[in-house]
């Protein structure tokens, strides 16, 4: 099973040989004052939250992400992603993810033509294996997100006042 410490160790191994300067940790050890508690965060130089993550247990039937993505109205998807998007908004970070250990959805918020948008990936299955040129693994997705998050500098502040109005 995945845990905060297992994800943190994986991410540290993935980025330690590259230019990404990131720390992955349980939110409570960061010492940041915030009324909620994300399951996992990544920090740059121990000061700025760059990515948040929510971990859900896989044995609860409502934690299967597939039905949420197939909902034509998008209401179930908004419900599923509300928690990590709220943390991203409140902590002013661009990147996030939600995982149930077997399925992971990656998130990004960005300003597009003057409008804040919340973007989400398709579900990445844990069993997905790398196939050059066609398929990337979950580990590669985490590595890419960590690198992108570490590149967004303090000169790119997130001031998304519209994000919580919906996806």
Foldseek 3Di string as FASTA:
>chain_A
DDAQVNVQVLQCVLPVVDPQQKGKDFQVVLPDDDPDGFGMFIDHPSPATAETEHEAADVPVLPPCVVCVPPPVNPSVCVVCVVRLVVCQVRFYFWYWYYNPQWIKIWGWDQDPNAIDIDIDDIAGQPFDDDPPPDDHPSVVSNVSSVVSRPDDPVNTRDHPPSNVTD
